[in-house]
Amino acid sequence: MSSLSKRSTVYFEPDVHQALRLRAASTHVSISELVDEAVRMLMSEDQQDIAAFSERINEPEISYEALLNDLKKHGKI
C-alpha cells in the first residue's frame, strides 16, 4: 500500500465497485489508490476552474438577453 495516511469509508454502486476492482487488478494498484488519484484530479480541475474565473473577474458581464440580441444583430441566429 502507498503512503496514504487517512482512512475513509466510501460506498459505490455494485457495478461501479466491480469496475474499480477490475481496474485495480489490471493496473496492479489498489482501489484506494485509484480513488485517491481520481479525487486529486477532480480537485486539480476545480483549482484550474477557480484560477480561470479569477483571471476573468474584470471582464464585463452581459445578460443572456443582450447576448441573444447581439447574436441576432450579427446574423448568428
N, C-alpha and C. Protein backbone atom coordinates (compact mmCIF):
# COMPACT_ATOMS: atom_id res chain seq x y z
N MET A 1 0.84 -1.19 0.00
CA MET A 1 0.00 0.00 0.00
C MET A 1 0.88 1.24 0.00
N SER A 2 0.35 2.32 -0.52
CA SER A 2 1.11 3.56 -0.60
C SER A 2 1.16 4.25 0.75
N SER A 3 1.62 5.49 0.74
CA SER A 3 1.79 6.23 1.99
C SER A 3 0.54 6.99 2.40
N LEU A 4 -0.63 6.54 1.96
CA LEU A 4 -1.88 7.19 2.35
C LEU A 4 -2.04 7.05 3.85
N SER A 5 -2.47 8.12 4.51
CA SER A 5 -2.47 8.08 5.97
C SER A 5 -3.84 8.21 6.61
N LYS A 6 -4.87 8.54 5.90
CA LYS A 6 -6.21 8.67 6.46
C LYS A 6 -7.10 7.61 5.85
N ARG A 7 -8.02 7.14 6.65
CA ARG A 7 -8.92 6.10 6.20
C ARG A 7 -10.34 6.67 6.13
N SER A 8 -11.08 6.25 5.11
CA SER A 8 -12.44 6.70 4.95
C SER A 8 -13.25 5.57 4.33
N THR A 9 -14.51 5.53 4.64
CA THR A 9 -15.40 4.54 4.04
C THR A 9 -16.14 5.21 2.90
N VAL A 10 -16.11 4.57 1.75
CA VAL A 10 -16.78 5.09 0.56
C VAL A 10 -17.69 4.00 0.04
N TYR A 11 -18.92 4.37 -0.30
CA TYR A 11 -19.87 3.40 -0.82
C TYR A 11 -20.04 3.62 -2.32
N PHE A 12 -20.01 2.52 -3.07
CA PHE A 12 -20.16 2.56 -4.52
C PHE A 12 -21.34 1.70 -4.93
N GLU A 13 -21.94 2.04 -6.04
CA GLU A 13 -22.93 1.15 -6.64
C GLU A 13 -22.19 -0.13 -7.01
N PRO A 14 -22.86 -1.27 -6.95
CA PRO A 14 -22.18 -2.54 -7.23
C PRO A 14 -21.44 -2.59 -8.56
N ASP A 15 -22.03 -2.06 -9.61
CA ASP A 15 -21.36 -2.09 -10.91
C ASP A 15 -20.11 -1.22 -10.93
N VAL A 16 -20.17 -0.08 -10.26
CA VAL A 16 -19.01 0.80 -10.19
C VAL A 16 -17.91 0.13 -9.37
N HIS A 17 -18.30 -0.51 -8.28
CA HIS A 17 -17.31 -1.21 -7.45
C HIS A 17 -16.64 -2.33 -8.24
N GLN A 18 -17.42 -3.08 -9.00
CA GLN A 18 -16.86 -4.15 -9.82
C GLN A 18 -15.87 -3.59 -10.84
N ALA A 19 -16.23 -2.48 -11.46
CA ALA A 19 -15.33 -1.86 -12.43
C ALA A 19 -14.04 -1.40 -11.76
N LEU A 20 -14.16 -0.84 -10.57
CA LEU A 20 -12.97 -0.42 -9.82
C LEU A 20 -12.08 -1.61 -9.48
N ARG A 21 -12.70 -2.70 -9.05
CA ARG A 21 -11.93 -3.91 -8.72
C ARG A 21 -11.18 -4.42 -9.93
N LEU A 22 -11.86 -4.45 -11.08
CA LEU A 22 -11.21 -4.92 -12.30
C LEU A 22 -10.07 -3.99 -12.72
N ARG A 23 -10.33 -2.69 -12.63
CA ARG A 23 -9.29 -1.71 -13.00
C ARG A 23 -8.09 -1.84 -12.06
N ALA A 24 -8.36 -1.98 -10.77
CA ALA A 24 -7.28 -2.12 -9.80
C ALA A 24 -6.44 -3.37 -10.09
N ALA A 25 -7.12 -4.46 -10.38
CA ALA A 25 -6.40 -5.70 -10.65
C ALA A 25 -5.58 -5.61 -11.94
N SER A 26 -6.14 -4.98 -12.95
CA SER A 26 -5.44 -4.92 -14.23
C SER A 26 -4.29 -3.93 -14.23
N THR A 27 -4.32 -2.96 -13.33
CA THR A 27 -3.25 -1.96 -13.28
C THR A 27 -2.31 -2.15 -12.10
N HIS A 28 -2.60 -3.19 -11.30
CA HIS A 28 -1.76 -3.53 -10.14
C HIS A 28 -1.66 -2.40 -9.12
N VAL A 29 -2.77 -1.69 -8.93
CA VAL A 29 -2.85 -0.69 -7.86
C VAL A 29 -4.12 -0.97 -7.05
N SER A 30 -4.19 -0.42 -5.88
CA SER A 30 -5.35 -0.66 -5.03
C SER A 30 -6.52 0.25 -5.42
N ILE A 31 -7.71 -0.15 -4.99
CA ILE A 31 -8.88 0.70 -5.19
C ILE A 31 -8.65 2.04 -4.50
N SER A 32 -8.05 2.01 -3.32
CA SER A 32 -7.76 3.26 -2.60
C SER A 32 -6.89 4.19 -3.43
N GLU A 33 -5.89 3.64 -4.09
CA GLU A 33 -5.02 4.47 -4.91
C GLU A 33 -5.78 5.03 -6.12
N LEU A 34 -6.65 4.24 -6.71
CA LEU A 34 -7.46 4.74 -7.83
C LEU A 34 -8.38 5.88 -7.38
N VAL A 35 -9.03 5.70 -6.25
CA VAL A 35 -9.94 6.73 -5.74
C VAL A 35 -9.15 7.98 -5.37
N ASP A 36 -8.00 7.81 -4.73
CA ASP A 36 -7.17 8.95 -4.35
C ASP A 36 -6.76 9.74 -5.59
N GLU A 37 -6.35 9.03 -6.65
CA GLU A 37 -5.94 9.69 -7.89
C GLU A 37 -7.12 10.44 -8.52
N ALA A 38 -8.30 9.81 -8.52
CA ALA A 38 -9.49 10.45 -9.11
C ALA A 38 -9.87 11.71 -8.35
N VAL A 39 -9.80 11.66 -7.02
CA VAL A 39 -10.15 12.83 -6.21
C VAL A 39 -9.13 13.94 -6.43
N ARG A 40 -7.87 13.58 -6.51
CA ARG A 40 -6.83 14.59 -6.77
C ARG A 40 -7.04 15.26 -8.13
N MET A 41 -7.41 14.46 -9.14
CA MET A 41 -7.67 15.04 -10.47
C MET A 41 -8.87 15.98 -10.41
N LEU A 42 -9.91 15.59 -9.70
CA LEU A 42 -11.10 16.43 -9.56
C LEU A 42 -10.75 17.75 -8.88
N MET A 43 -9.97 17.68 -7.80
CA MET A 43 -9.58 18.91 -7.10
C MET A 43 -8.68 19.78 -7.96
N SER A 44 -7.82 19.16 -8.76
CA SER A 44 -6.95 19.92 -9.66
C SER A 44 -7.79 20.66 -10.70
N GLU A 45 -8.82 19.98 -11.24
CA GLU A 45 -9.72 20.64 -12.19
C GLU A 45 -10.45 21.80 -11.53
N ASP A 46 -10.89 21.61 -10.28
CA ASP A 46 -11.55 22.70 -9.56
C ASP A 46 -10.60 23.88 -9.40
N GLN A 47 -9.34 23.60 -9.06
CA GLN A 47 -8.37 24.68 -8.88
C GLN A 47 -8.15 25.42 -10.19
N GLN A 48 -8.10 24.69 -11.30
CA GLN A 48 -7.94 25.33 -12.61
C GLN A 48 -9.15 26.20 -12.94
N ASP A 49 -10.36 25.71 -12.61
CA ASP A 49 -11.57 26.49 -12.85
C ASP A 49 -11.55 27.78 -12.03
N ILE A 50 -11.15 27.68 -10.78
CA ILE A 50 -11.08 28.86 -9.91
C ILE A 50 -10.07 29.86 -10.46
N ALA A 51 -8.93 29.36 -10.92
CA ALA A 51 -7.90 30.25 -11.49
C ALA A 51 -8.43 30.93 -12.74
N ALA A 52 -9.12 30.19 -13.60
CA ALA A 52 -9.67 30.78 -14.82
C ALA A 52 -10.71 31.84 -14.49
N PHE A 53 -11.55 31.55 -13.50
CA PHE A 53 -12.55 32.52 -13.08
C PHE A 53 -11.87 33.78 -12.56
N SER A 54 -10.83 33.61 -11.75
CA SER A 54 -10.11 34.76 -11.20
C SER A 54 -9.48 35.61 -12.30
N GLU A 55 -8.97 34.97 -13.35
CA GLU A 55 -8.36 35.70 -14.45
C GLU A 55 -9.38 36.53 -15.21
N ARG A 56 -10.64 36.11 -15.19
CA ARG A 56 -11.68 36.78 -15.97
C ARG A 56 -12.57 37.68 -15.11
N ILE A 57 -12.20 37.90 -13.87
CA ILE A 57 -13.05 38.62 -12.92
C ILE A 57 -13.37 40.03 -13.39
N ASN A 58 -12.46 40.66 -14.14
CA ASN A 58 -12.67 42.05 -14.56
C ASN A 58 -13.34 42.19 -15.92
N GLU A 59 -13.69 41.05 -16.53
CA GLU A 59 -14.39 41.12 -17.82
C GLU A 59 -15.81 41.64 -17.60
N PRO A 60 -16.31 42.42 -18.55
CA PRO A 60 -17.66 42.93 -18.40
C PRO A 60 -18.68 41.79 -18.50
N GLU A 61 -19.76 41.93 -17.76
CA GLU A 61 -20.83 40.93 -17.81
C GLU A 61 -21.85 41.34 -18.87
N ILE A 62 -22.48 40.33 -19.45
CA ILE A 62 -23.52 40.58 -20.43
C ILE A 62 -24.70 39.66 -20.09
N SER A 63 -25.88 40.22 -20.16
CA SER A 63 -27.06 39.41 -19.85
C SER A 63 -27.34 38.44 -20.98
N TYR A 64 -28.10 37.42 -20.69
CA TYR A 64 -28.47 36.45 -21.70
C TYR A 64 -29.26 37.13 -22.82
N GLU A 65 -30.17 38.01 -22.44
CA GLU A 65 -30.97 38.73 -23.43
C GLU A 65 -30.08 39.57 -24.35
N ALA A 66 -29.13 40.27 -23.76
CA ALA A 66 -28.22 41.10 -24.57
C ALA A 66 -27.38 40.23 -25.50
N LEU A 67 -26.96 39.06 -25.02
CA LEU A 67 -26.19 38.14 -25.85
C LEU A 67 -27.02 37.67 -27.04
N LEU A 68 -28.26 37.29 -26.78
CA LEU A 68 -29.14 36.86 -27.87
C LEU A 68 -29.36 37.97 -28.89
N ASN A 69 -29.58 39.17 -28.39
CA ASN A 69 -29.78 40.32 -29.29
C ASN A 69 -28.54 40.57 -30.14
N ASP A 70 -27.36 40.44 -29.54
CA ASP A 70 -26.12 40.65 -30.27
C ASP A 70 -25.92 39.56 -31.33
N LEU A 71 -26.22 38.32 -30.98
CA LEU A 71 -26.11 37.22 -31.94
C LEU A 71 -27.06 37.44 -33.13
N LYS A 72 -28.26 37.88 -32.81
CA LYS A 72 -29.23 38.13 -33.88
C LYS A 72 -28.78 39.29 -34.75
N LYS A 73 -28.27 40.35 -34.13
CA LYS A 73 -27.81 41.53 -34.86
C LYS A 73 -26.71 41.17 -35.85
N HIS A 74 -25.86 40.22 -35.48
CA HIS A 74 -24.74 39.84 -36.33
C HIS A 74 -25.04 38.59 -37.19
N GLY A 75 -26.32 38.22 -37.28
CA GLY A 75 -26.74 37.13 -38.16
C GLY A 75 -26.32 35.75 -37.71
N LYS A 76 -26.03 35.59 -36.43
CA LYS A 76 -25.60 34.28 -35.92
C LYS A 76 -26.79 33.38 -35.59
N ILE A 77 -27.92 34.00 -35.30
CA ILE A 77 -29.14 33.21 -35.04
C ILE A 77 -30.30 33.84 -35.80
